[in-house]
Amino acid sequence: MKTESLSRIDAFLVSSTLELFASHGVALREVEYRTEGIDEPFASTIGFTAERILGVLVLTVSRALAEASLPSNLRAARATDEIVADWAGELSNQCLGRLKNRFYAAGVEIALSTPTVFAGKELRHFAHPSPLYRSLYFEGPGSLLVEFQAHYGEDFELGEEGAVQEESPPEGEVLFF
């Protein structure tokens, strides 16, 4: 894969993440990765596939950030673990949905799987070796680790966003799993 494609993927990851949380009233900033764990983590993994690429997106979100981004009708003094877990799954679904739209606009149509959520202390994602691995860290009213891992075909390249003239499918409504 050429460096231009890698740069596009990095830009897609950052913009999709920042826009997702901004749409829920939360401002994030990308920061240097830190080695200490995320406080009260909830991790969600969701797979994707396309003709020449397949992989997984993993979001590990702190309880504080998940609660800050909850829709107003679900906010409580302290949301239950079940609500936070469902929301973590929905955040990964919405983030990958935004990536899907960007990939589509760049000429790659991907399909999404259903997210799976985990909660616990000191969650870590042990990424399998793959040709493409990106890890981004964000902070706001909590912490977020975004990991993107993929295998791709020899000839896979990601075009510039806007390469496809037709509009991508609309983003879906909020779904809880």
Protein backbone atom coordinates (compact mmCIF):
# COMPACT_ATOMS: atom_id res chain seq x y z
CA MET A 1 0.00 0.00 0.00
CA LYS A 2 1.32 3.43 -0.91
CA THR A 3 1.92 6.08 1.74
CA GLU A 4 -0.87 8.21 0.21
CA SER A 5 -3.41 5.49 1.04
CA LEU A 6 -2.04 5.16 4.59
CA SER A 7 -2.25 8.94 5.06
CA ARG A 8 -5.87 8.90 3.85
CA ILE A 9 -6.77 6.12 6.26
CA ASP A 10 -5.17 8.05 9.14
CA ALA A 11 -7.06 11.21 8.16
CA PHE A 12 -10.32 9.24 7.83
CA LEU A 13 -9.84 7.74 11.31
CA VAL A 14 -9.15 11.09 12.96
CA SER A 15 -11.96 12.99 11.23
CA SER A 16 -14.51 10.20 11.74
CA THR A 17 -13.70 9.99 15.45
CA LEU A 18 -13.74 13.75 16.07
CA GLU A 19 -16.98 14.22 14.08
CA LEU A 20 -18.67 11.30 15.83
CA PHE A 21 -18.09 12.67 19.31
CA ALA A 22 -18.80 16.26 18.23
CA SER A 23 -22.21 15.06 16.96
CA HIS A 24 -22.88 13.95 20.55
CA GLY A 25 -21.73 17.26 22.04
CA VAL A 26 -18.26 16.12 23.11
CA ALA A 27 -15.01 17.75 22.00
CA LEU A 28 -11.98 15.48 21.76
CA ARG A 29 -8.38 16.14 20.89
CA GLU A 30 -5.84 13.69 19.57
CA VAL A 31 -2.90 13.25 21.95
CA GLU A 32 0.22 11.12 22.19
CA TYR A 33 -0.50 7.54 23.12
CA ARG A 34 0.04 6.80 26.78
CA THR A 35 0.96 3.45 28.22
CA GLU A 36 -1.19 3.52 31.36
CA GLY A 37 -4.64 2.03 31.00
CA ILE A 38 -7.97 3.74 30.45
CA ASP A 39 -10.05 4.29 33.59
CA GLU A 40 -13.13 2.03 33.72
CA PRO A 41 -12.77 0.85 30.10
CA PHE A 42 -15.45 -0.45 27.79
CA ALA A 43 -14.10 -1.93 24.57
CA SER A 44 -16.07 -2.58 21.43
CA THR A 45 -14.85 -4.42 18.36
CA ILE A 46 -16.54 -4.42 14.97
CA GLY A 47 -15.34 -6.10 11.80
CA PHE A 48 -15.56 -4.98 8.20
CA THR A 49 -14.93 -6.48 4.79
CA ALA A 50 -14.70 -5.36 1.18
CA GLU A 51 -13.48 -6.83 -2.06
CA ARG A 52 -9.77 -6.26 -1.34
CA ILE A 53 -9.61 -5.38 2.37
CA LEU A 54 -10.91 -6.81 5.64
CA GLY A 55 -10.26 -5.94 9.22
CA VAL A 56 -11.49 -4.71 12.55
CA LEU A 57 -12.03 -1.44 14.39
CA VAL A 58 -11.59 -1.51 18.17
CA LEU A 59 -12.72 1.39 20.38
CA THR A 60 -11.74 1.40 24.03
CA VAL A 61 -13.64 4.20 25.76
CA SER A 62 -13.55 5.30 29.37
CA ARG A 63 -16.80 5.26 31.30
CA ALA A 64 -16.52 9.05 31.76
CA LEU A 65 -16.31 9.67 28.00
CA ALA A 66 -19.08 7.18 27.21
CA GLU A 67 -21.38 8.80 29.77
CA ALA A 68 -20.54 12.32 28.54
CA SER A 69 -21.52 11.33 24.99
CA LEU A 70 -24.75 9.50 25.87
CA PRO A 71 -27.93 10.87 24.29
CA SER A 72 -29.72 13.16 26.75
CA ASN A 73 -32.61 10.73 27.23
CA LEU A 74 -30.17 8.09 28.56
CA ARG A 75 -28.12 10.28 30.88
CA ALA A 76 -28.48 9.59 34.56
CA ALA A 77 -26.44 10.36 37.66
CA ARG A 78 -24.49 7.20 36.80
CA ALA A 79 -25.57 5.08 33.87
CA THR A 80 -25.75 1.32 34.36
CA ASP A 81 -22.99 -0.89 32.96
CA GLU A 82 -25.48 -2.26 30.43
CA ILE A 83 -26.30 1.20 29.06
CA VAL A 84 -22.64 2.17 28.85
CA ALA A 85 -21.77 -1.15 27.16
CA ASP A 86 -24.60 -0.74 24.62
CA TRP A 87 -23.45 2.81 23.96
CA ALA A 88 -19.81 1.71 23.48
CA GLY A 89 -21.04 -0.76 20.86
CA GLU A 90 -23.09 1.95 19.19
CA LEU A 91 -20.12 4.33 19.16
CA SER A 92 -17.99 1.75 17.33
CA ASN A 93 -20.85 1.14 14.91
CA GLN A 94 -21.25 4.87 14.22
CA CYS A 95 -17.49 5.41 13.90
CA LEU A 96 -17.13 2.57 11.41
CA GLY A 97 -20.24 3.88 9.62
CA ARG A 98 -18.50 7.22 9.15
CA LEU A 99 -15.36 5.42 7.93
CA LYS A 100 -17.53 3.37 5.58
CA ASN A 101 -18.90 6.58 4.02
CA ARG A 102 -15.39 7.98 3.57
CA PHE A 103 -14.11 4.73 2.09
CA TYR A 104 -17.12 4.67 -0.25
CA ALA A 105 -16.37 8.22 -1.42
CA ALA A 106 -12.80 7.01 -2.10
CA GLY A 107 -14.00 4.08 -4.22
CA VAL A 108 -14.12 1.24 -1.67
CA GLU A 109 -17.45 -0.16 -0.48
CA ILE A 110 -17.18 -1.99 2.85
CA ALA A 111 -19.71 -4.04 4.80
CA LEU A 112 -19.92 -3.97 8.60
CA SER A 113 -20.49 -6.72 11.14
CA THR A 114 -22.22 -6.38 14.51
CA PRO A 115 -20.17 -4.92 17.38
CA THR A 116 -19.12 -6.95 20.41
CA VAL A 117 -18.51 -5.16 23.72
CA PHE A 118 -16.25 -6.00 26.66
CA ALA A 119 -15.84 -4.29 30.04
CA GLY A 120 -13.23 -4.83 32.69
CA LYS A 121 -10.06 -3.58 34.28
CA GLU A 122 -6.92 -3.07 32.23
CA LEU A 123 -8.41 -4.17 28.91
CA ARG A 124 -5.78 -4.48 26.21
CA HIS A 125 -6.14 -5.38 22.57
CA PHE A 126 -3.48 -7.83 21.50
CA ALA A 127 -3.50 -7.09 17.80
CA HIS A 128 -2.63 -9.96 15.51
CA PRO A 129 0.17 -9.12 13.13
CA SER A 130 -1.36 -7.51 10.09
CA PRO A 131 -0.03 -5.38 7.28
CA LEU A 132 -2.07 -2.38 8.42
CA TYR A 133 -2.31 -1.32 12.05
CA ARG A 134 -3.18 2.17 13.28
CA SER A 135 -3.60 3.27 16.90
CA LEU A 136 -4.89 6.72 17.84
CA TYR A 137 -5.48 8.16 21.29
CA PHE A 138 -7.94 10.93 22.16
CA GLU A 139 -8.81 12.82 25.33
CA GLY A 140 -11.71 15.00 26.37
CA PRO A 141 -13.96 14.38 29.35
CA GLY A 142 -12.36 10.92 29.40
CA SER A 143 -10.13 8.80 27.18
CA LEU A 144 -10.52 6.93 23.91
CA LEU A 145 -8.22 4.52 22.11
CA VAL A 146 -9.06 3.81 18.45
CA GLU A 147 -7.35 0.82 16.83
CA PHE A 148 -7.71 -0.04 13.15
CA GLN A 149 -6.28 -3.27 11.83
CA ALA A 150 -6.61 -4.71 8.32
CA HIS A 151 -5.37 -7.17 5.75
CA TYR A 152 -5.54 -6.05 2.16
CA GLY A 153 -4.89 -7.36 -1.33
CA GLU A 154 -1.64 -6.68 -3.13
CA ASP A 155 -3.22 -4.09 -5.41
CA PHE A 156 -5.31 -2.31 -2.77
CA GLU A 157 -5.11 1.46 -2.83
CA LEU A 158 -7.52 4.01 -1.43
CA GLY A 159 -8.46 6.79 -3.85
CA GLU A 160 -8.96 10.38 -2.85
CA GLU A 161 -12.16 11.14 -0.99
CA GLY A 162 -14.66 12.40 -3.55
CA ALA A 163 -13.41 10.01 -6.26
CA VAL A 164 -16.91 8.50 -6.42
CA GLN A 165 -19.51 11.03 -7.53
CA GLU A 166 -22.63 9.31 -6.19
CA GLU A 167 -23.60 9.93 -2.58
CA SER A 168 -22.83 7.30 0.02
CA PRO A 169 -25.69 5.60 1.85
CA PRO A 170 -27.05 7.72 4.74
CA GLU A 171 -25.87 7.01 8.25
CA GLY A 172 -28.34 4.99 10.29
CA GLU A 173 -30.32 5.85 13.35
CA VAL A 174 -28.94 5.05 16.82
CA LEU A 175 -29.15 1.29 17.38
CA PHE A 176 -28.47 -0.59 20.58
CA PHE A 177 -27.22 -4.15 20.51
